[in-house]
Amino acid sequence: MTASIVDGLRKLEAADERHDDRGADKDGPSTHDSEPSLKDPAVGNPISHGQIVDLWKALQKQHPSSSLEKLLQGARVYILPPPPKPEPSDEYKALMARLRRDEAARAYERMVNPPPRYETFDARFPHAAQSFAEANRVSNKADLGDDDGVTYTEVHRQVVLIINFLVSILGVAATLWVLARWWSMPARVFLTLGGSIVVAVAEVGVYQTYVWRMGQAKARQKAQREVKEVVKTWVVGQDGDEKKGDEPVLLQSKDDDADGGIRKRATAAAKPDT
């Protein structure tokens, strides 16, 4: 119900009371058993569509200026409140009480006798990660690579390339601007812009061609397979002349003298004692 509907119902109630005193018929909206009650009207109470139409018709008989739009201003759909929950049965209450007691007993048992803790790999080997990292640590810093150096080189190459493009474009534009100083201003501007665009396109084309050729060269280099073949073989300790060294060589004994005789040991004469 809106405030306009409540005012209309009160007006009809007052008119019905006057009609009762006079013995006339009532003009208010009819109320069926399936429709909400209109006694003690208040803002927010439910009212059916049929009752609103009957109220509007009854008000038009007394006040022709009454409109249905004015009655419906501020109205909203009435949603019935959810029905109250039924009272649980005695069996349900007894079951819930037993379940609560069982849960309390289990909680107390877990508190008094806690279950054994599951042993994890980290708990059993707390220093495994440090040991693994130490065992796999590189011994030479060069094995880590030089990513920073590679990145710096790539960035430096790109910056130099951009500067080269800009210098070429600006140089050609300045040259054309100076050479066309006797032309009109629009012609000089268009000539400079056209020359700059042509140089930019040429620079990009040359760079793309260079990149494409480098890619093709790398692809061909990867496609080539290294073939290893035996060029020459040799034996260690063998000279070019096969016959040399075949003849036996006799070694002279240390006991033989130069003439081939046996050498004798010379002894010195003993001196007499004085």
C-alpha atoms as a PDB file:
ATOM      1  CA  MET A   1       0.000   0.000   0.000  1.00  0.00           C
ATOM      2  CA  THR A   2       1.045   3.563  -0.699  1.00  0.00           C
ATOM      3  CA  ALA A   3       0.117   6.702   1.207  1.00  0.00           C
ATOM      4  CA  SER A   4      -2.487   7.565  -1.459  1.00  0.00           C
ATOM      5  CA  ILE A   5      -4.108   4.135  -1.159  1.00  0.00           C
ATOM      6  CA  VAL A   6      -4.211   4.404   2.645  1.00  0.00           C
ATOM      7  CA  ASP A   7      -5.861   7.849   2.413  1.00  0.00           C
ATOM      8  CA  GLY A   8      -8.382   6.541  -0.113  1.00  0.00           C
ATOM      9  CA  LEU A   9      -9.286   3.559   2.063  1.00  0.00           C
ATOM     10  CA  ARG A  10      -9.814   5.820   5.071  1.00  0.00           C
ATOM     11  CA  LYS A  11     -12.037   8.113   3.045  1.00  0.00           C
ATOM     12  CA  LEU A  12     -14.102   5.153   1.912  1.00  0.00           C
ATOM     13  CA  GLU A  13     -14.347   3.863   5.493  1.00  0.00           C
ATOM     14  CA  ALA A  14     -15.646   7.242   6.636  1.00  0.00           C
ATOM     15  CA  ALA A  15     -18.122   7.289   3.755  1.00  0.00           C
ATOM     16  CA  ASP A  16     -19.233   3.727   4.558  1.00  0.00           C
ATOM     17  CA  GLU A  17     -19.871   4.707   8.154  1.00  0.00           C
ATOM     18  CA  ARG A  18     -22.071   7.554   6.999  1.00  0.00           C
ATOM     19  CA  HIS A  19     -23.863   5.195   4.617  1.00  0.00           C
ATOM     20  CA  ASP A  20     -24.409   2.710   7.464  1.00  0.00           C
ATOM     21  CA  ASP A  21     -26.090   5.429   9.455  1.00  0.00           C
ATOM     22  CA  ARG A  22     -28.318   6.186   6.469  1.00  0.00           C
ATOM     23  CA  GLY A  23     -28.843   2.518   5.533  1.00  0.00           C
ATOM     24  CA  ALA A  24     -27.220   2.862   2.043  1.00  0.00           C
ATOM     25  CA  ASP A  25     -25.000   0.340   0.218  1.00  0.00           C
ATOM     26  CA  LYS A  26     -21.222   0.374   0.572  1.00  0.00           C
ATOM     27  CA  ASP A  27     -19.080   1.525  -2.342  1.00  0.00           C
ATOM     28  CA  GLY A  28     -15.694   0.274  -1.041  1.00  0.00           C
ATOM     29  CA  PRO A  29     -13.596  -2.495  -2.609  1.00  0.00           C
ATOM     30  CA  SER A  30     -14.765  -6.028  -2.032  1.00  0.00           C
ATOM     31  CA  THR A  31     -12.567  -8.465  -0.121  1.00  0.00           C
ATOM     32  CA  HIS A  32     -12.461 -12.174  -0.916  1.00  0.00           C
ATOM     33  CA  ASP A  33     -10.975 -14.922   1.205  1.00  0.00           C
ATOM     34  CA  SER A  34      -7.957 -15.263  -1.123  1.00  0.00           C
ATOM     35  CA  GLU A  35      -7.184 -11.528  -1.076  1.00  0.00           C
ATOM     36  CA  PRO A  36      -5.376  -9.561   1.652  1.00  0.00           C
ATOM     37  CA  SER A  37      -7.421  -7.916   4.359  1.00  0.00           C
ATOM     38  CA  LEU A  38      -7.984  -4.155   4.111  1.00  0.00           C
ATOM     39  CA  LYS A  39      -8.632  -3.626   7.811  1.00  0.00           C
ATOM     40  CA  ASP A  40      -6.254  -1.247   9.566  1.00  0.00           C
ATOM     41  CA  PRO A  41      -4.579  -0.014   6.357  1.00  0.00           C
ATOM     42  CA  ALA A  42      -0.946   1.062   6.650  1.00  0.00           C
ATOM     43  CA  VAL A  43       1.849   1.900   4.248  1.00  0.00           C
ATOM     44  CA  GLY A  44       3.589  -1.317   3.196  1.00  0.00           C
ATOM     45  CA  ASN A  45       0.652  -3.672   3.767  1.00  0.00           C
ATOM     46  CA  PRO A  46      -0.258  -5.977   0.874  1.00  0.00           C
ATOM     47  CA  ILE A  47      -3.121  -5.216  -1.517  1.00  0.00           C
ATOM     48  CA  SER A  48      -4.168  -7.019  -4.690  1.00  0.00           C
ATOM     49  CA  HIS A  49      -4.574  -5.501  -8.144  1.00  0.00           C
ATOM     50  CA  GLY A  50      -8.287  -6.088  -8.112  1.00  0.00           C
ATOM     51  CA  GLN A  51      -8.653  -4.268  -4.807  1.00  0.00           C
ATOM     52  CA  ILE A  52      -6.703  -1.293  -6.195  1.00  0.00           C
ATOM     53  CA  VAL A  53      -9.003  -1.116  -9.232  1.00  0.00           C
ATOM     54  CA  ASP A  54     -12.112  -1.356  -7.024  1.00  0.00           C
ATOM     55  CA  LEU A  55     -10.709   1.385  -4.773  1.00  0.00           C
ATOM     56  CA  TRP A  56     -10.037   3.614  -7.773  1.00  0.00           C
ATOM     57  CA  LYS A  57     -13.552   3.137  -9.136  1.00  0.00           C
ATOM     58  CA  ALA A  58     -15.087   3.844  -5.717  1.00  0.00           C
ATOM     59  CA  LEU A  59     -13.007   7.012  -5.326  1.00  0.00           C
ATOM     60  CA  GLN A  60     -13.982   8.214  -8.802  1.00  0.00           C
ATOM     61  CA  LYS A  61     -17.629   8.092  -7.824  1.00  0.00           C
ATOM     62  CA  GLN A  62     -16.952  10.459  -4.938  1.00  0.00           C
ATOM     63  CA  HIS A  63     -14.017  12.413  -6.377  1.00  0.00           C
ATOM     64  CA  PRO A  64     -13.878  12.342 -10.191  1.00  0.00           C
ATOM     65  CA  SER A  65     -10.376  13.867 -10.107  1.00  0.00           C
ATOM     66  CA  SER A  66      -8.910  10.717  -8.531  1.00  0.00           C
ATOM     67  CA  SER A  67      -6.521   8.839 -10.834  1.00  0.00           C
ATOM     68  CA  LEU A  68      -5.080   5.357 -10.768  1.00  0.00           C
ATOM     69  CA  GLU A  69      -1.590   6.733 -11.434  1.00  0.00           C
ATOM     70  CA  LYS A  70      -1.680   8.772  -8.227  1.00  0.00           C
ATOM     71  CA  LEU A  71      -2.705   5.699  -6.244  1.00  0.00           C
ATOM     72  CA  LEU A  72       0.179   3.637  -7.652  1.00  0.00           C
ATOM     73  CA  GLN A  73       2.926   6.223  -7.082  1.00  0.00           C
ATOM     74  CA  GLY A  74       5.536   4.620  -4.787  1.00  0.00           C
ATOM     75  CA  ALA A  75       4.016   1.134  -5.014  1.00  0.00           C
ATOM     76  CA  ARG A  76       6.240  -1.933  -5.242  1.00  0.00           C
ATOM     77  CA  VAL A  77       5.748  -5.654  -5.585  1.00  0.00           C
ATOM     78  CA  TYR A  78       4.943  -7.272  -2.270  1.00  0.00           C
ATOM     79  CA  ILE A  79       7.017 -10.356  -1.493  1.00  0.00           C
ATOM     80  CA  LEU A  80       5.643 -12.703   1.114  1.00  0.00           C
ATOM     81  CA  PRO A  81       7.979 -13.310   4.032  1.00  0.00           C
ATOM     82  CA  PRO A  82       9.421 -16.825   4.218  1.00  0.00           C
ATOM     83  CA  PRO A  83       7.322 -19.220   6.253  1.00  0.00           C
ATOM     84  CA  PRO A  84       8.642 -19.974   9.731  1.00  0.00           C
ATOM     85  CA  LYS A  85      10.749 -23.079  10.132  1.00  0.00           C
ATOM     86  CA  PRO A  86       8.811 -26.019  11.486  1.00  0.00           C
ATOM     87  CA  GLU A  87       9.596 -27.106  14.992  1.00  0.00           C
ATOM     88  CA  PRO A  88      11.998 -30.092  14.891  1.00  0.00           C
ATOM     89  CA  SER A  89      10.713 -33.361  16.195  1.00  0.00           C
ATOM     90  CA  ASP A  90      11.881 -35.052  19.382  1.00  0.00           C
ATOM     91  CA  GLU A  91      13.759 -37.710  17.388  1.00  0.00           C
ATOM     92  CA  TYR A  92      15.684 -35.021  15.498  1.00  0.00           C
ATOM     93  CA  LYS A  93      16.601 -33.228  18.721  1.00  0.00           C
ATOM     94  CA  ALA A  94      17.813 -36.474  20.301  1.00  0.00           C
ATOM     95  CA  LEU A  95      19.903 -37.311  17.203  1.00  0.00           C
ATOM     96  CA  MET A  96      21.551 -33.864  17.153  1.00  0.00           C
ATOM     97  CA  ALA A  97      22.335 -34.074  20.874  1.00  0.00           C
ATOM     98  CA  ARG A  98      23.974 -37.482  20.402  1.00  0.00           C
ATOM     99  CA  LEU A  99      26.032 -36.224  17.448  1.00  0.00           C
ATOM    100  CA  ARG A 100      27.233 -33.219  19.458  1.00  0.00           C
ATOM    101  CA  ARG A 101      28.300 -35.479  22.326  1.00  0.00           C
ATOM    102  CA  ASP A 102      30.170 -37.785  19.945  1.00  0.00           C
ATOM    103  CA  GLU A 103      31.963 -34.851  18.312  1.00  0.00           C
ATOM    104  CA  ALA A 104      32.933 -33.427  21.707  1.00  0.00           C
ATOM    105  CA  ALA A 105      34.306 -36.836  22.738  1.00  0.00           C
ATOM    106  CA  ARG A 106      36.358 -37.119  19.528  1.00  0.00           C
ATOM    107  CA  ALA A 107      37.734 -33.582  19.976  1.00  0.00           C
ATOM    108  CA  TYR A 108      38.764 -34.372  23.547  1.00  0.00           C
ATOM    109  CA  GLU A 109      40.415 -37.613  22.421  1.00  0.00           C
ATOM    110  CA  ARG A 110      42.384 -35.763  19.719  1.00  0.00           C
ATOM    111  CA  MET A 111      43.498 -33.196  22.292  1.00  0.00           C
ATOM    112  CA  VAL A 112      44.608 -35.811  24.835  1.00  0.00           C
ATOM    113  CA  ASN A 113      46.147 -38.275  22.350  1.00  0.00           C
ATOM    114  CA  PRO A 114      47.153 -36.326  19.256  1.00  0.00           C
ATOM    115  CA  PRO A 115      47.699 -38.445  16.130  1.00  0.00           C
ATOM    116  CA  PRO A 116      51.295 -38.937  14.927  1.00  0.00           C
ATOM    117  CA  ARG A 117      52.539 -36.233  12.646  1.00  0.00           C
ATOM    118  CA  TYR A 118      53.003 -37.201   9.028  1.00  0.00           C
ATOM    119  CA  GLU A 119      56.710 -37.165   8.203  1.00  0.00           C
ATOM    120  CA  THR A 120      57.465 -35.139   5.117  1.00  0.00           C
ATOM    121  CA  PHE A 121      60.603 -35.079   3.005  1.00  0.00           C
ATOM    122  CA  ASP A 122      61.415 -31.576   4.214  1.00  0.00           C
ATOM    123  CA  ALA A 123      61.053 -32.613   7.842  1.00  0.00           C
ATOM    124  CA  ARG A 124      63.274 -35.674   7.393  1.00  0.00           C
ATOM    125  CA  PHE A 125      65.930 -33.922   5.300  1.00  0.00           C
ATOM    126  CA  PRO A 126      65.850 -30.256   6.311  1.00  0.00           C
ATOM    127  CA  HIS A 127      69.122 -29.409   4.558  1.00  0.00           C
ATOM    128  CA  ALA A 128      68.445 -31.269   1.308  1.00  0.00           C
ATOM    129  CA  ALA A 129      67.840 -28.111  -0.710  1.00  0.00           C
ATOM    130  CA  GLN A 130      71.094 -26.492   0.417  1.00  0.00           C
ATOM    131  CA  SER A 131      73.031 -29.692  -0.283  1.00  0.00           C
ATOM    132  CA  PHE A 132      71.528 -30.019  -3.745  1.00  0.00           C
ATOM    133  CA  ALA A 133      72.330 -26.395  -4.541  1.00  0.00           C
ATOM    134  CA  GLU A 134      75.890 -26.781  -3.289  1.00  0.00           C
ATOM    135  CA  ALA A 135      76.424 -29.992  -5.256  1.00  0.00           C
ATOM    136  CA  ASN A 136      75.127 -28.456  -8.480  1.00  0.00           C
ATOM    137  CA  ARG A 137      76.891 -25.131  -8.069  1.00  0.00           C
ATOM    138  CA  VAL A 138      79.073 -24.277 -11.034  1.00  0.00           C
ATOM    139  CA  SER A 139      82.788 -24.193 -10.351  1.00  0.00           C
ATOM    140  CA  ASN A 140      83.592 -21.628 -13.027  1.00  0.00           C
ATOM    141  CA  LYS A 141      81.800 -18.316 -13.292  1.00  0.00           C
ATOM    142  CA  ALA A 142      82.137 -18.443 -17.060  1.00  0.00           C
ATOM    143  CA  ASP A 143      79.714 -21.379 -17.125  1.00  0.00           C
ATOM    144  CA  LEU A 144      76.923 -19.118 -15.922  1.00  0.00           C
ATOM    145  CA  GLY A 145      76.965 -17.200 -19.162  1.00  0.00           C
ATOM    146  CA  ASP A 146      76.911 -13.479 -19.760  1.00  0.00           C
ATOM    147  CA  ASP A 147      73.251 -12.646 -20.233  1.00  0.00           C
ATOM    148  CA  ASP A 148      73.809  -9.045 -19.184  1.00  0.00           C
ATOM    149  CA  GLY A 149      76.544  -8.630 -21.740  1.00  0.00           C
ATOM    150  CA  VAL A 150      74.425 -10.146 -24.506  1.00  0.00           C
ATOM    151  CA  THR A 151      71.491  -7.918 -23.586  1.00  0.00           C
ATOM    152  CA  TYR A 152      73.681  -4.829 -23.501  1.00  0.00           C
ATOM    153  CA  THR A 153      75.150  -5.691 -26.898  1.00  0.00           C
ATOM    154  CA  GLU A 154      71.706  -6.199 -28.414  1.00  0.00           C
ATOM    155  CA  VAL A 155      70.370  -2.934 -26.978  1.00  0.00           C
ATOM    156  CA  HIS A 156      73.467  -1.062 -28.130  1.00  0.00           C
ATOM    157  CA  ARG A 157      73.069  -2.441 -31.643  1.00  0.00           C
ATOM    158  CA  GLN A 158      69.412  -1.428 -31.796  1.00  0.00           C
ATOM    159  CA  VAL A 159      70.147   2.089 -30.518  1.00  0.00           C
ATOM    160  CA  VAL A 160      72.964   2.560 -33.028  1.00  0.00           C
ATOM    161  CA  LEU A 161      70.671   1.324 -35.797  1.00  0.00           C
ATOM    162  CA  ILE A 162      67.945   3.819 -34.858  1.00  0.00           C
ATOM    163  CA  ILE A 163      70.462   6.660 -34.683  1.00  0.00           C
ATOM    164  CA  ASN A 164      71.791   5.652 -38.105  1.00  0.00           C
ATOM    165  CA  PHE A 165      68.278   5.763 -39.555  1.00  0.00           C
ATOM    166  CA  LEU A 166      67.575   9.179 -38.051  1.00  0.00           C
ATOM    167  CA  VAL A 167      70.883  10.643 -39.227  1.00  0.00           C
ATOM    168  CA  SER A 168      70.301   9.379 -42.776  1.00  0.00           C
ATOM    169  CA  ILE A 169      66.745  10.725 -42.922  1.00  0.00           C
ATOM    170  CA  LEU A 170      67.612  14.103 -41.408  1.00  0.00           C
ATOM    171  CA  GLY A 171      70.690  14.453 -43.595  1.00  0.00           C
ATOM    172  CA  VAL A 172      68.748  13.805 -46.802  1.00  0.00           C
ATOM    173  CA  ALA A 173      65.939  16.122 -45.673  1.00  0.00           C
ATOM    174  CA  ALA A 174      68.370  18.951 -44.897  1.00  0.00           C
ATOM    175  CA  THR A 175      70.166  18.463 -48.209  1.00  0.00           C
ATOM    176  CA  LEU A 176      66.948  18.605 -50.227  1.00  0.00           C
ATOM    177  CA  TRP A 177      65.753  21.625 -48.248  1.00  0.00           C
ATOM    178  CA  VAL A 178      68.961  23.520 -49.026  1.00  0.00           C
ATOM    179  CA  LEU A 179      69.066  22.509 -52.691  1.00  0.00           C
ATOM    180  CA  ALA A 180      65.456  23.601 -53.259  1.00  0.00           C
ATOM    181  CA  ARG A 181      65.876  27.019 -51.648  1.00  0.00           C
ATOM    182  CA  TRP A 182      64.738  28.772 -54.851  1.00  0.00           C
ATOM    183  CA  TRP A 183      61.493  26.818 -54.970  1.00  0.00           C
ATOM    184  CA  SER A 184      58.266  27.844 -53.321  1.00  0.00           C
ATOM    185  CA  MET A 185      57.654  26.885 -49.694  1.00  0.00           C
ATOM    186  CA  PRO A 186      55.006  24.171 -50.372  1.00  0.00           C
ATOM    187  CA  ALA A 187      57.234  22.591 -53.037  1.00  0.00           C
ATOM    188  CA  ARG A 188      60.232  22.552 -50.682  1.00  0.00           C
ATOM    189  CA  VAL A 189      58.159  20.990 -47.905  1.00  0.00           C
ATOM    190  CA  PHE A 190      56.726  18.266 -50.158  1.00  0.00           C
ATOM    191  CA  LEU A 191      60.154  17.563 -51.676  1.00  0.00           C
ATOM    192  CA  THR A 192      61.749  17.256 -48.241  1.00  0.00           C
ATOM    193  CA  LEU A 193      58.973  14.999 -46.934  1.00  0.00           C
ATOM    194  CA  GLY A 194      59.063  12.825 -50.039  1.00  0.00           C
ATOM    195  CA  GLY A 195      62.826  12.432 -49.900  1.00  0.00           C
ATOM    196  CA  SER A 196      62.727  11.593 -46.193  1.00  0.00           C
ATOM    197  CA  ILE A 197      60.038   8.962 -46.744  1.00  0.00           C
ATOM    198  CA  VAL A 198      61.980   7.410 -49.630  1.00  0.00           C
ATOM    199  CA  VAL A 199      65.165   7.240 -47.553  1.00  0.00           C
ATOM    200  CA  ALA A 200      63.278   5.735 -44.591  1.00  0.00           C
ATOM    201  CA  VAL A 201      61.738   3.067 -46.819  1.00  0.00           C
ATOM    202  CA  ALA A 202      65.127   2.326 -48.369  1.00  0.00           C
ATOM    203  CA  GLU A 203      66.791   2.038 -44.955  1.00  0.00           C
ATOM    204  CA  VAL A 204      64.119  -0.339 -43.725  1.00  0.00           C
ATOM    205  CA  GLY A 205      64.365  -2.391 -46.904  1.00  0.00           C
ATOM    206  CA  VAL A 206      68.143  -2.659 -46.654  1.00  0.00           C
ATOM    207  CA  TYR A 207      67.933  -3.686 -42.997  1.00  0.00           C
ATOM    208  CA  GLN A 208      65.264  -6.291 -43.704  1.00  0.00           C
ATOM    209  CA  THR A 209      67.374  -7.679 -46.541  1.00  0.00           C
ATOM    210  CA  TYR A 210      70.389  -7.851 -44.235  1.00  0.00           C
ATOM    211  CA  VAL A 211      68.400  -9.652 -41.544  1.00  0.00           C
ATOM    212  CA  TRP A 212      66.965 -12.066 -44.116  1.00  0.00           C
ATOM    213  CA  ARG A 213      70.405 -12.881 -45.532  1.00  0.00           C
ATOM    214  CA  MET A 214      71.814 -13.428 -42.050  1.00  0.00           C
ATOM    215  CA  GLY A 215      68.965 -15.809 -41.280  1.00  0.00           C
ATOM    216  CA  GLN A 216      69.549 -17.696 -44.512  1.00  0.00           C
ATOM    217  CA  ALA A 217      73.284 -17.956 -43.784  1.00  0.00           C
ATOM    218  CA  LYS A 218      72.632 -19.305 -40.290  1.00  0.00           C
ATOM    219  CA  ALA A 219      70.145 -21.815 -41.690  1.00  0.00           C
ATOM    220  CA  ARG A 220      72.658 -23.036 -44.295  1.00  0.00           C
ATOM    221  CA  GLN A 221      75.387 -23.240 -41.674  1.00  0.00           C
ATOM    222  CA  LYS A 222      73.177 -25.361 -39.439  1.00  0.00           C
ATOM    223  CA  ALA A 223      72.188 -27.556 -42.376  1.00  0.00           C
ATOM    224  CA  GLN A 224      75.808 -28.360 -43.247  1.00  0.00           C
ATOM    225  CA  ARG A 225      77.161 -31.462 -41.550  1.00  0.00           C
ATOM    226  CA  GLU A 226      80.771 -31.796 -40.523  1.00  0.00           C
ATOM    227  CA  VAL A 227      82.368 -34.704 -42.390  1.00  0.00           C
ATOM    228  CA  LYS A 228      85.541 -36.183 -40.905  1.00  0.00           C
ATOM    229  CA  GLU A 229      87.876 -38.319 -43.018  1.00  0.00           C
ATOM    230  CA  VAL A 230      91.369 -39.804 -42.558  1.00  0.00           C
ATOM    231  CA  VAL A 231      93.931 -37.826 -44.561  1.00  0.00           C
ATOM    232  CA  LYS A 232      97.172 -39.608 -43.578  1.00  0.00           C
ATOM    233  CA  THR A 233      98.325 -42.315 -41.167  1.00  0.00           C
ATOM    234  CA  TRP A 234     101.763 -43.113 -39.765  1.00  0.00           C
ATOM    235  CA  VAL A 235     103.395 -45.448 -37.251  1.00  0.00           C
ATOM    236  CA  VAL A 236     105.364 -43.979 -34.386  1.00  0.00           C
ATOM    237  CA  GLY A 237     109.109 -44.821 -34.610  1.00  0.00           C
ATOM    238  CA  GLN A 238     109.082 -45.847 -38.295  1.00  0.00           C
ATOM    239  CA  ASP A 239     111.123 -43.785 -40.800  1.00  0.00           C
ATOM    240  CA  GLY A 240     110.526 -43.337 -44.460  1.00  0.00           C
ATOM    241  CA  ASP A 241     113.220 -45.886 -45.476  1.00  0.00           C
ATOM    242  CA  GLU A 242     111.897 -49.346 -44.621  1.00  0.00           C
ATOM    243  CA  LYS A 243     115.291 -51.134 -45.076  1.00  0.00           C
ATOM    244  CA  LYS A 244     117.191 -48.800 -42.803  1.00  0.00           C
ATOM    245  CA  GLY A 245     117.679 -50.238 -39.350  1.00  0.00           C
ATOM    246  CA  ASP A 246     117.231 -53.872 -40.424  1.00  0.00           C
ATOM    247  CA  GLU A 247     120.992 -54.761 -40.172  1.00  0.00           C
ATOM    248  CA  PRO A 248     122.185 -55.819 -36.695  1.00  0.00           C
ATOM    249  CA  VAL A 249     124.722 -53.607 -34.939  1.00  0.00           C
ATOM    250  CA  LEU A 250     127.370 -55.170 -32.634  1.00  0.00           C
ATOM    251  CA  LEU A 251     128.191 -53.279 -29.481  1.00  0.00           C
ATOM    252  CA  GLN A 252     131.764 -53.461 -28.138  1.00  0.00           C
ATOM    253  CA  SER A 253     132.303 -54.676 -24.598  1.00  0.00           C
ATOM    254  CA  LYS A 254     133.889 -52.438 -22.048  1.00  0.00           C
ATOM    255  CA  ASP A 255     136.531 -55.121 -21.285  1.00  0.00           C
ATOM    256  CA  ASP A 256     137.846 -55.094 -24.879  1.00  0.00           C
ATOM    257  CA  ASP A 257     140.579 -52.649 -25.696  1.00  0.00           C
ATOM    258  CA  ALA A 258     141.042 -50.817 -28.863  1.00  0.00           C
ATOM    259  CA  ASP A 259     143.048 -53.670 -30.528  1.00  0.00           C
ATOM    260  CA  GLY A 260     140.553 -56.291 -29.586  1.00  0.00           C
ATOM    261  CA  GLY A 261     142.721 -57.782 -26.771  1.00  0.00           C
ATOM    262  CA  ILE A 262     141.984 -58.227 -23.132  1.00  0.00           C
ATOM    263  CA  ARG A 263     142.908 -55.317 -21.013  1.00  0.00           C
ATOM    264  CA  LYS A 264     144.960 -55.927 -17.850  1.00  0.00           C
ATOM    265  CA  ARG A 265     144.774 -53.918 -14.698  1.00  0.00           C
ATOM    266  CA  ALA A 266     148.128 -52.251 -13.802  1.00  0.00           C
ATOM    267  CA  THR A 267     149.072 -52.341 -10.093  1.00  0.00           C
ATOM    268  CA  ALA A 268     151.545 -49.952  -8.489  1.00  0.00           C
ATOM    269  CA  ALA A 269     154.665 -51.353  -6.639  1.00  0.00           C
ATOM    270  CA  ALA A 270     154.515 -51.203  -2.844  1.00  0.00           C
ATOM    271  CA  LYS A 271     157.125 -48.978  -1.170  1.00  0.00           C
ATOM    272  CA  PRO A 272     159.333 -50.496   1.627  1.00  0.00           C
ATOM    273  CA  ASP A 273     158.781 -49.350   5.158  1.00  0.00           C
ATOM    274  CA  THR A 274     161.556 -47.261   6.691  1.00  0.00           C
END
